[in-house]
Amino acid sequence: MTFPTDHRIAREQICDIGRRLVDCGLVVAADGNISVRLNENEILCTPTGMSKGRMTVDDICTIDLAGKQTGGSRRPSSESLLHLEVYRQRDDVASVVHAHPPHATAFALTRQAIPAGILPEVELFLGEIPMAGYATPGTPELANSIVPFVEKSNLVVLANHGTLAWDSSLERALWWTEILENYCRVLILSRSLGPPAWLTNEEMQEVLAGKEKWGLSDARTDSKYSESDLRENPLFRDTWKTTGVRRTMFDRPE
């Protein structure tokens, strides 16, 4: 892990990502929060109650891995607990983005599973998309809800809430959020035309094999999933019962 050496540039990057979240319609008002890991025990994070499109570098807060504020004049986001849980579990992660993208949040509100095996670019960049069970925003319970998914994914949909994405850079965490939102929008649009043409399981295997060329990992390449139908959400399907996730919007592939 390479930590940022210029903390002001890191703050400027957070402000830039905040503006882009607003410009893309992924957050409104004071929605969302962003963080960057500075070192083993220090995190930059956005303040509570402030538009992500109007922040300056002086508005950014500093907290430690225990959640204690160590710098900044504004109070840190109450949902920093979500970010800290990711950092505790993944020492390769340096950035986290939480947003409320409308189409992805529509899936979160209806607890509809986001299908795998339809759009190859989504399989390449996102992989299987999990959904965490509902918990009150800003609570330790919300942070606990993502625990089953952090190791095997770089993104989670939060039931009745929004999305959380993480990676080694803010740019990538934003990309995953944008790709997910676009995918959910396309899925909703496609409903007016008819059922999707699913990729075959063999075509899915080919996409996963190509991920290595991009330097992208995917938990589904583990040998224990070699006999699984990858369109049937083998990574996270066993969590659906406890999280209230269902798949009624898209029929099972033939």
C-alpha atoms as a PDB file:
ATOM      1  CA  MET A   1       0.000   0.000   0.000  1.00  0.00           C
ATOM      2  CA  THR A   2       1.345   3.419  -0.999  1.00  0.00           C
ATOM      3  CA  PHE A   3      -0.121   6.217   1.088  1.00  0.00           C
ATOM      4  CA  PRO A   4      -0.428   9.799  -0.231  1.00  0.00           C
ATOM      5  CA  THR A   5       2.561  11.943   0.716  1.00  0.00           C
ATOM      6  CA  ASP A   6       0.912  15.284  -0.056  1.00  0.00           C
ATOM      7  CA  HIS A   7      -2.132  15.521   2.183  1.00  0.00           C
ATOM      8  CA  ARG A   8      -3.347  18.742   0.571  1.00  0.00           C
ATOM      9  CA  ILE A   9      -3.538  17.021  -2.811  1.00  0.00           C
ATOM     10  CA  ALA A  10      -5.524  14.214  -1.173  1.00  0.00           C
ATOM     11  CA  ARG A  11      -7.953  16.805   0.186  1.00  0.00           C
ATOM     12  CA  GLU A  12      -8.236  18.403  -3.262  1.00  0.00           C
ATOM     13  CA  GLN A  13      -8.999  14.984  -4.753  1.00  0.00           C
ATOM     14  CA  ILE A  14     -11.817  14.467  -2.250  1.00  0.00           C
ATOM     15  CA  CYS A  15     -13.305  17.846  -3.197  1.00  0.00           C
ATOM     16  CA  ASP A  16     -13.007  16.987  -6.905  1.00  0.00           C
ATOM     17  CA  ILE A  17     -14.757  13.623  -6.438  1.00  0.00           C
ATOM     18  CA  GLY A  18     -17.450  15.380  -4.402  1.00  0.00           C
ATOM     19  CA  ARG A  19     -18.159  17.786  -7.256  1.00  0.00           C
ATOM     20  CA  ARG A  20     -18.289  14.931  -9.745  1.00  0.00           C
ATOM     21  CA  LEU A  21     -20.742  12.994  -7.566  1.00  0.00           C
ATOM     22  CA  VAL A  22     -23.033  16.031  -7.576  1.00  0.00           C
ATOM     23  CA  ASP A  23     -22.566  16.723 -11.295  1.00  0.00           C
ATOM     24  CA  CYS A  24     -23.436  13.100 -12.154  1.00  0.00           C
ATOM     25  CA  GLY A  25     -26.537  13.143  -9.964  1.00  0.00           C
ATOM     26  CA  LEU A  26     -25.157  10.455  -7.666  1.00  0.00           C
ATOM     27  CA  VAL A  27     -25.817  12.587  -4.555  1.00  0.00           C
ATOM     28  CA  VAL A  28     -28.035  15.558  -3.704  1.00  0.00           C
ATOM     29  CA  ALA A  29     -28.084  18.093  -0.857  1.00  0.00           C
ATOM     30  CA  ALA A  30     -25.759  16.759   1.877  1.00  0.00           C
ATOM     31  CA  ASP A  31     -25.931  13.123   0.684  1.00  0.00           C
ATOM     32  CA  GLY A  32     -22.951  10.804   0.603  1.00  0.00           C
ATOM     33  CA  ASN A  33     -19.456  10.798   2.013  1.00  0.00           C
ATOM     34  CA  ILE A  34     -15.894  10.225   0.823  1.00  0.00           C
ATOM     35  CA  SER A  35     -12.692   9.140   2.546  1.00  0.00           C
ATOM     36  CA  VAL A  36      -8.999   8.578   1.831  1.00  0.00           C
ATOM     37  CA  ARG A  37      -6.572   6.636   3.985  1.00  0.00           C
ATOM     38  CA  LEU A  38      -3.459   8.682   4.793  1.00  0.00           C
ATOM     39  CA  ASN A  39      -1.509   6.078   6.749  1.00  0.00           C
ATOM     40  CA  GLU A  40      -1.986   3.041   8.974  1.00  0.00           C
ATOM     41  CA  ASN A  41      -4.205   4.902  11.448  1.00  0.00           C
ATOM     42  CA  GLU A  42      -5.358   8.173   9.873  1.00  0.00           C
ATOM     43  CA  ILE A  43      -8.283   8.836   7.516  1.00  0.00           C
ATOM     44  CA  LEU A  44      -9.412  11.956   5.679  1.00  0.00           C
ATOM     45  CA  CYS A  45     -13.208  12.149   5.467  1.00  0.00           C
ATOM     46  CA  THR A  46     -15.906  14.554   4.382  1.00  0.00           C
ATOM     47  CA  PRO A  47     -17.852  16.587   6.955  1.00  0.00           C
ATOM     48  CA  THR A  48     -21.454  16.016   7.957  1.00  0.00           C
ATOM     49  CA  GLY A  49     -24.290  18.238   6.738  1.00  0.00           C
ATOM     50  CA  MET A  50     -22.495  19.746   3.748  1.00  0.00           C
ATOM     51  CA  SER A  51     -22.982  19.488  -0.010  1.00  0.00           C
ATOM     52  CA  LYS A  52     -20.243  17.399  -1.581  1.00  0.00           C
ATOM     53  CA  GLY A  53     -20.143  19.876  -4.445  1.00  0.00           C
ATOM     54  CA  ARG A  54     -19.281  22.891  -2.281  1.00  0.00           C
ATOM     55  CA  MET A  55     -16.486  21.573  -0.057  1.00  0.00           C
ATOM     56  CA  THR A  56     -13.048  23.160   0.167  1.00  0.00           C
ATOM     57  CA  VAL A  57      -9.864  21.541   1.408  1.00  0.00           C
ATOM     58  CA  ASP A  58     -10.352  23.235   4.792  1.00  0.00           C
ATOM     59  CA  ASP A  59     -13.700  21.468   5.290  1.00  0.00           C
ATOM     60  CA  ILE A  60     -12.183  17.970   5.233  1.00  0.00           C
ATOM     61  CA  CYS A  61     -11.850  16.205   8.608  1.00  0.00           C
ATOM     62  CA  THR A  62      -9.325  13.716   9.950  1.00  0.00           C
ATOM     63  CA  ILE A  63     -10.235  10.676  12.046  1.00  0.00           C
ATOM     64  CA  ASP A  64      -8.380   7.626  13.295  1.00  0.00           C
ATOM     65  CA  LEU A  65      -9.330   3.981  12.740  1.00  0.00           C
ATOM     66  CA  ALA A  66     -11.295   4.027  15.991  1.00  0.00           C
ATOM     67  CA  GLY A  67     -13.439   6.867  14.647  1.00  0.00           C
ATOM     68  CA  LYS A  68     -12.012   9.577  16.907  1.00  0.00           C
ATOM     69  CA  GLN A  69     -11.685  12.994  15.258  1.00  0.00           C
ATOM     70  CA  THR A  70      -8.055  14.092  15.115  1.00  0.00           C
ATOM     71  CA  GLY A  71      -8.292  17.173  12.887  1.00  0.00           C
ATOM     72  CA  GLY A  72     -10.577  19.638  11.149  1.00  0.00           C
ATOM     73  CA  SER A  73     -13.030  22.258  12.359  1.00  0.00           C
ATOM     74  CA  ARG A  74     -16.149  20.510  11.051  1.00  0.00           C
ATOM     75  CA  ARG A  75     -17.689  17.314  12.425  1.00  0.00           C
ATOM     76  CA  PRO A  76     -16.957  14.189  10.352  1.00  0.00           C
ATOM     77  CA  SER A  77     -19.734  12.302   8.636  1.00  0.00           C
ATOM     78  CA  SER A  78     -21.784  10.072  10.939  1.00  0.00           C
ATOM     79  CA  GLU A  79     -21.402   7.320   8.338  1.00  0.00           C
ATOM     80  CA  SER A  80     -17.616   7.248   8.642  1.00  0.00           C
ATOM     81  CA  LEU A  81     -18.174   3.965  10.508  1.00  0.00           C
ATOM     82  CA  LEU A  82     -18.957   2.358   7.131  1.00  0.00           C
ATOM     83  CA  HIS A  83     -15.639   3.526   5.736  1.00  0.00           C
ATOM     84  CA  LEU A  84     -13.691   2.407   8.798  1.00  0.00           C
ATOM     85  CA  GLU A  85     -15.111  -1.113   8.545  1.00  0.00           C
ATOM     86  CA  VAL A  86     -13.779  -1.396   4.997  1.00  0.00           C
ATOM     87  CA  TYR A  87     -10.336  -0.141   6.013  1.00  0.00           C
ATOM     88  CA  ARG A  88     -10.186  -2.582   8.932  1.00  0.00           C
ATOM     89  CA  GLN A  89     -10.923  -5.539   6.677  1.00  0.00           C
ATOM     90  CA  ARG A  90      -8.944  -4.552   3.576  1.00  0.00           C
ATOM     91  CA  ASP A  91      -5.439  -3.216   4.015  1.00  0.00           C
ATOM     92  CA  ASP A  92      -5.210  -2.830   0.209  1.00  0.00           C
ATOM     93  CA  VAL A  93      -7.982  -0.203   0.172  1.00  0.00           C
ATOM     94  CA  ALA A  94      -7.112   3.495   0.284  1.00  0.00           C
ATOM     95  CA  SER A  95     -10.396   5.151  -0.727  1.00  0.00           C
ATOM     96  CA  VAL A  96     -14.130   4.738  -0.082  1.00  0.00           C
ATOM     97  CA  VAL A  97     -17.113   6.481  -1.722  1.00  0.00           C
ATOM     98  CA  HIS A  98     -20.682   6.351  -0.391  1.00  0.00           C
ATOM     99  CA  ALA A  99     -23.436   7.692  -2.668  1.00  0.00           C
ATOM    100  CA  HIS A 100     -27.182   7.555  -3.343  1.00  0.00           C
ATOM    101  CA  PRO A 101     -27.355   6.897  -7.115  1.00  0.00           C
ATOM    102  CA  PRO A 102     -31.056   6.897  -8.081  1.00  0.00           C
ATOM    103  CA  HIS A 103     -31.319   3.750 -10.215  1.00  0.00           C
ATOM    104  CA  ALA A 104     -29.097   1.625  -7.980  1.00  0.00           C
ATOM    105  CA  THR A 105     -31.016   2.922  -4.964  1.00  0.00           C
ATOM    106  CA  ALA A 106     -34.259   1.856  -6.662  1.00  0.00           C
ATOM    107  CA  PHE A 107     -32.935  -1.710  -6.491  1.00  0.00           C
ATOM    108  CA  ALA A 108     -32.012  -1.092  -2.851  1.00  0.00           C
ATOM    109  CA  LEU A 109     -35.533   0.128  -2.009  1.00  0.00           C
ATOM    110  CA  THR A 110     -37.215  -2.883  -3.601  1.00  0.00           C
ATOM    111  CA  ARG A 111     -34.533  -5.302  -2.348  1.00  0.00           C
ATOM    112  CA  GLN A 112     -34.239  -6.657  -5.876  1.00  0.00           C
ATOM    113  CA  ALA A 113     -31.097  -8.669  -6.553  1.00  0.00           C
ATOM    114  CA  ILE A 114     -28.984  -7.070  -9.259  1.00  0.00           C
ATOM    115  CA  PRO A 115     -28.612  -9.869 -11.824  1.00  0.00           C
ATOM    116  CA  ALA A 116     -25.305 -11.325 -12.943  1.00  0.00           C
ATOM    117  CA  GLY A 117     -24.728 -12.666 -16.443  1.00  0.00           C
ATOM    118  CA  ILE A 118     -26.227  -9.939 -18.631  1.00  0.00           C
ATOM    119  CA  LEU A 119     -23.667  -7.205 -19.346  1.00  0.00           C
ATOM    120  CA  PRO A 120     -20.062  -8.412 -19.777  1.00  0.00           C
ATOM    121  CA  GLU A 121     -18.524  -5.040 -18.821  1.00  0.00           C
ATOM    122  CA  VAL A 122     -20.244  -5.255 -15.449  1.00  0.00           C
ATOM    123  CA  GLU A 123     -18.875  -8.757 -14.892  1.00  0.00           C
ATOM    124  CA  LEU A 124     -15.431  -7.493 -15.860  1.00  0.00           C
ATOM    125  CA  PHE A 125     -15.305  -4.396 -13.666  1.00  0.00           C
ATOM    126  CA  LEU A 126     -17.739  -5.075 -10.828  1.00  0.00           C
ATOM    127  CA  GLY A 127     -18.361  -8.803 -10.620  1.00  0.00           C
ATOM    128  CA  GLU A 128     -21.288 -10.105  -8.614  1.00  0.00           C
ATOM    129  CA  ILE A 129     -22.987  -7.242  -6.770  1.00  0.00           C
ATOM    130  CA  PRO A 130     -24.055  -7.914  -3.161  1.00  0.00           C
ATOM    131  CA  MET A 131     -26.782  -6.205  -1.155  1.00  0.00           C
ATOM    132  CA  ALA A 132     -26.444  -5.709   2.595  1.00  0.00           C
ATOM    133  CA  GLY A 133     -29.436  -5.917   4.908  1.00  0.00           C
ATOM    134  CA  TYR A 134     -31.061  -2.761   6.201  1.00  0.00           C
ATOM    135  CA  ALA A 135     -29.691  -0.937   9.247  1.00  0.00           C
ATOM    136  CA  THR A 136     -30.229   2.617  10.487  1.00  0.00           C
ATOM    137  CA  PRO A 137     -27.837   5.072   8.790  1.00  0.00           C
ATOM    138  CA  GLY A 138     -24.953   6.274  10.947  1.00  0.00           C
ATOM    139  CA  THR A 139     -25.077   3.313  13.348  1.00  0.00           C
ATOM    140  CA  PRO A 140     -22.596   0.532  14.121  1.00  0.00           C
ATOM    141  CA  GLU A 141     -25.258  -1.882  12.842  1.00  0.00           C
ATOM    142  CA  LEU A 142     -24.983  -0.359   9.372  1.00  0.00           C
ATOM    143  CA  ALA A 143     -21.209  -0.843   9.422  1.00  0.00           C
ATOM    144  CA  ASN A 144     -21.705  -4.439  10.569  1.00  0.00           C
ATOM    145  CA  SER A 145     -24.119  -5.099   7.698  1.00  0.00           C
ATOM    146  CA  ILE A 146     -21.337  -4.894   5.094  1.00  0.00           C
ATOM    147  CA  VAL A 147     -18.941  -7.266   6.878  1.00  0.00           C
ATOM    148  CA  PRO A 148     -19.918 -10.389   4.852  1.00  0.00           C
ATOM    149  CA  PHE A 149     -19.189  -8.638   1.552  1.00  0.00           C
ATOM    150  CA  VAL A 150     -16.044  -6.534   1.934  1.00  0.00           C
ATOM    151  CA  GLU A 151     -13.507  -9.273   1.286  1.00  0.00           C
ATOM    152  CA  LYS A 152     -15.124 -10.620  -1.903  1.00  0.00           C
ATOM    153  CA  SER A 153     -16.232  -7.385  -3.536  1.00  0.00           C
ATOM    154  CA  ASN A 154     -15.339  -3.738  -4.081  1.00  0.00           C
ATOM    155  CA  LEU A 155     -18.911  -2.552  -3.928  1.00  0.00           C
ATOM    156  CA  VAL A 156     -22.109  -3.154  -1.968  1.00  0.00           C
ATOM    157  CA  VAL A 157     -25.682  -1.927  -2.284  1.00  0.00           C
ATOM    158  CA  LEU A 158     -27.152  -0.876   1.070  1.00  0.00           C
ATOM    159  CA  ALA A 159     -30.807  -1.901   1.420  1.00  0.00           C
ATOM    160  CA  ASN A 160     -33.174   1.116   1.462  1.00  0.00           C
ATOM    161  CA  HIS A 161     -30.175   3.427   1.431  1.00  0.00           C
ATOM    162  CA  GLY A 162     -27.556   3.696  -1.339  1.00  0.00           C
ATOM    163  CA  THR A 163     -24.170   2.314  -2.364  1.00  0.00           C
ATOM    164  CA  LEU A 164     -20.651   1.962  -0.993  1.00  0.00           C
ATOM    165  CA  ALA A 165     -17.574   1.434  -3.192  1.00  0.00           C
ATOM    166  CA  TRP A 166     -13.895   1.062  -2.307  1.00  0.00           C
ATOM    167  CA  ASP A 167     -10.532   0.553  -4.000  1.00  0.00           C
ATOM    168  CA  SER A 168      -6.916   1.665  -4.058  1.00  0.00           C
ATOM    169  CA  SER A 169      -7.852   5.095  -5.457  1.00  0.00           C
ATOM    170  CA  LEU A 170     -10.758   7.520  -5.336  1.00  0.00           C
ATOM    171  CA  GLU A 171     -11.001   7.446  -9.113  1.00  0.00           C
ATOM    172  CA  ARG A 172     -11.669   3.717  -9.123  1.00  0.00           C
ATOM    173  CA  ALA A 173     -14.156   3.885  -6.259  1.00  0.00           C
ATOM    174  CA  LEU A 174     -16.049   6.531  -8.257  1.00  0.00           C
ATOM    175  CA  TRP A 175     -15.851   4.405 -11.422  1.00  0.00           C
ATOM    176  CA  TRP A 176     -17.470   1.429  -9.688  1.00  0.00           C
ATOM    177  CA  THR A 177     -20.280   3.684  -8.459  1.00  0.00           C
ATOM    178  CA  GLU A 178     -20.825   5.128 -11.950  1.00  0.00           C
ATOM    179  CA  ILE A 179     -20.756   1.708 -13.628  1.00  0.00           C
ATOM    180  CA  LEU A 180     -23.248   0.292 -11.138  1.00  0.00           C
ATOM    181  CA  GLU A 181     -25.622   3.241 -11.574  1.00  0.00           C
ATOM    182  CA  ASN A 182     -25.468   2.999 -15.365  1.00  0.00           C
ATOM    183  CA  TYR A 183     -26.078  -0.768 -15.242  1.00  0.00           C
ATOM    184  CA  CYS A 184     -29.117  -0.369 -13.002  1.00  0.00           C
ATOM    185  CA  ARG A 185     -30.466   2.341 -15.294  1.00  0.00           C
ATOM    186  CA  VAL A 186     -30.036   0.103 -18.360  1.00  0.00           C
ATOM    187  CA  LEU A 187     -31.703  -2.814 -16.549  1.00  0.00           C
ATOM    188  CA  ILE A 188     -34.729  -0.676 -15.680  1.00  0.00           C
ATOM    189  CA  LEU A 189     -34.930   0.684 -19.260  1.00  0.00           C
ATOM    190  CA  SER A 190     -34.705  -2.817 -20.724  1.00  0.00           C
ATOM    191  CA  ARG A 191     -37.830  -3.904 -18.856  1.00  0.00           C
ATOM    192  CA  SER A 192     -39.973  -2.010 -21.371  1.00  0.00           C
ATOM    193  CA  LEU A 193     -38.492  -4.008 -24.261  1.00  0.00           C
ATOM    194  CA  GLY A 194     -38.631  -7.530 -22.886  1.00  0.00           C
ATOM    195  CA  PRO A 195     -36.523 -10.075 -21.010  1.00  0.00           C
ATOM    196  CA  PRO A 196     -32.736  -9.828 -21.391  1.00  0.00           C
ATOM    197  CA  ALA A 197     -30.690 -12.249 -23.463  1.00  0.00           C
ATOM    198  CA  TRP A 198     -28.553 -13.851 -20.773  1.00  0.00           C
ATOM    199  CA  LEU A 199     -24.920 -14.730 -21.368  1.00  0.00           C
ATOM    200  CA  THR A 200     -24.256 -18.449 -21.227  1.00  0.00           C
ATOM    201  CA  ASN A 201     -22.263 -19.801 -18.316  1.00  0.00           C
ATOM    202  CA  GLU A 202     -19.426 -20.534 -20.769  1.00  0.00           C
ATOM    203  CA  GLU A 203     -19.442 -16.917 -21.937  1.00  0.00           C
ATOM    204  CA  MET A 204     -19.326 -15.831 -18.301  1.00  0.00           C
ATOM    205  CA  GLN A 205     -16.270 -18.023 -17.740  1.00  0.00           C
ATOM    206  CA  GLU A 206     -14.561 -16.363 -20.708  1.00  0.00           C
ATOM    207  CA  VAL A 207     -15.213 -12.904 -19.258  1.00  0.00           C
ATOM    208  CA  LEU A 208     -13.782 -13.934 -15.877  1.00  0.00           C
ATOM    209  CA  ALA A 209     -10.694 -15.364 -17.555  1.00  0.00           C
ATOM    210  CA  GLY A 210     -10.158 -11.998 -19.220  1.00  0.00           C
ATOM    211  CA  LYS A 211     -10.187 -10.141 -15.915  1.00  0.00           C
ATOM    212  CA  GLU A 212      -6.669 -11.329 -15.128  1.00  0.00           C
ATOM    213  CA  LYS A 213      -5.373  -9.397 -18.143  1.00  0.00           C
ATOM    214  CA  TRP A 214      -6.765  -6.227 -16.592  1.00  0.00           C
ATOM    215  CA  GLY A 215      -5.267  -6.976 -13.197  1.00  0.00           C
ATOM    216  CA  LEU A 216      -8.735  -7.343 -11.690  1.00  0.00           C
ATOM    217  CA  SER A 217      -9.557 -10.012  -9.145  1.00  0.00           C
ATOM    218  CA  ASP A 218     -12.833 -11.923  -8.842  1.00  0.00           C
ATOM    219  CA  ALA A 219     -13.730 -14.320  -6.032  1.00  0.00           C
ATOM    220  CA  ARG A 220     -15.711 -16.432  -8.520  1.00  0.00           C
ATOM    221  CA  THR A 221     -12.466 -17.658 -10.097  1.00  0.00           C
ATOM    222  CA  ASP A 222     -11.896 -19.771  -6.974  1.00  0.00           C
ATOM    223  CA  SER A 223     -11.982 -23.482  -7.841  1.00  0.00           C
ATOM    224  CA  LYS A 224     -14.938 -24.067  -5.518  1.00  0.00           C
ATOM    225  CA  TYR A 225     -17.117 -22.138  -7.972  1.00  0.00           C
ATOM    226  CA  SER A 226     -15.880 -24.002 -11.058  1.00  0.00           C
ATOM    227  CA  GLU A 227     -19.092 -26.058 -11.286  1.00  0.00           C
ATOM    228  CA  SER A 228     -21.419 -23.182 -10.358  1.00  0.00           C
ATOM    229  CA  ASP A 229     -23.771 -21.380 -12.701  1.00  0.00           C
ATOM    230  CA  LEU A 230     -22.238 -17.910 -12.452  1.00  0.00           C
ATOM    231  CA  ARG A 231     -25.555 -16.309 -13.411  1.00  0.00           C
ATOM    232  CA  GLU A 232     -27.091 -17.612 -10.194  1.00  0.00           C
ATOM    233  CA  ASN A 233     -25.101 -15.313  -7.860  1.00  0.00           C
ATOM    234  CA  PRO A 234     -23.032 -18.071  -6.222  1.00  0.00           C
ATOM    235  CA  LEU A 235     -20.981 -15.689  -4.039  1.00  0.00           C
ATOM    236  CA  PHE A 236     -23.792 -13.997  -2.173  1.00  0.00           C
ATOM    237  CA  ARG A 237     -27.013 -15.900  -2.836  1.00  0.00           C
ATOM    238  CA  ASP A 238     -26.863 -17.560   0.581  1.00  0.00           C
ATOM    239  CA  THR A 239     -27.154 -14.086   2.179  1.00  0.00           C
ATOM    240  CA  TRP A 240     -30.422 -13.223   0.436  1.00  0.00           C
ATOM    241  CA  LYS A 241     -32.669 -14.864   3.017  1.00  0.00           C
ATOM    242  CA  THR A 242     -31.225 -12.909   5.942  1.00  0.00           C
ATOM    243  CA  THR A 243     -30.951  -9.613   4.045  1.00  0.00           C
ATOM    244  CA  GLY A 244     -34.408  -9.785   2.453  1.00  0.00           C
ATOM    245  CA  VAL A 245     -33.097  -9.789  -1.118  1.00  0.00           C
ATOM    246  CA  ARG A 246     -35.265 -11.367  -3.818  1.00  0.00           C
ATOM    247  CA  ARG A 247     -35.132 -11.837  -7.569  1.00  0.00           C
ATOM    248  CA  THR A 248     -38.571 -11.289  -9.093  1.00  0.00           C
ATOM    249  CA  MET A 249     -37.696  -8.552 -11.556  1.00  0.00           C
ATOM    250  CA  PHE A 250     -35.674 -10.844 -13.841  1.00  0.00           C
ATOM    251  CA  ASP A 251     -36.521 -14.491 -14.462  1.00  0.00           C
ATOM    252  CA  ARG A 252     -33.892 -17.157 -14.032  1.00  0.00           C
ATOM    253  CA  PRO A 253     -31.904 -17.860 -17.223  1.00  0.00           C
ATOM    254  CA  GLU A 254     -32.882 -20.955 -19.155  1.00  0.00           C
END
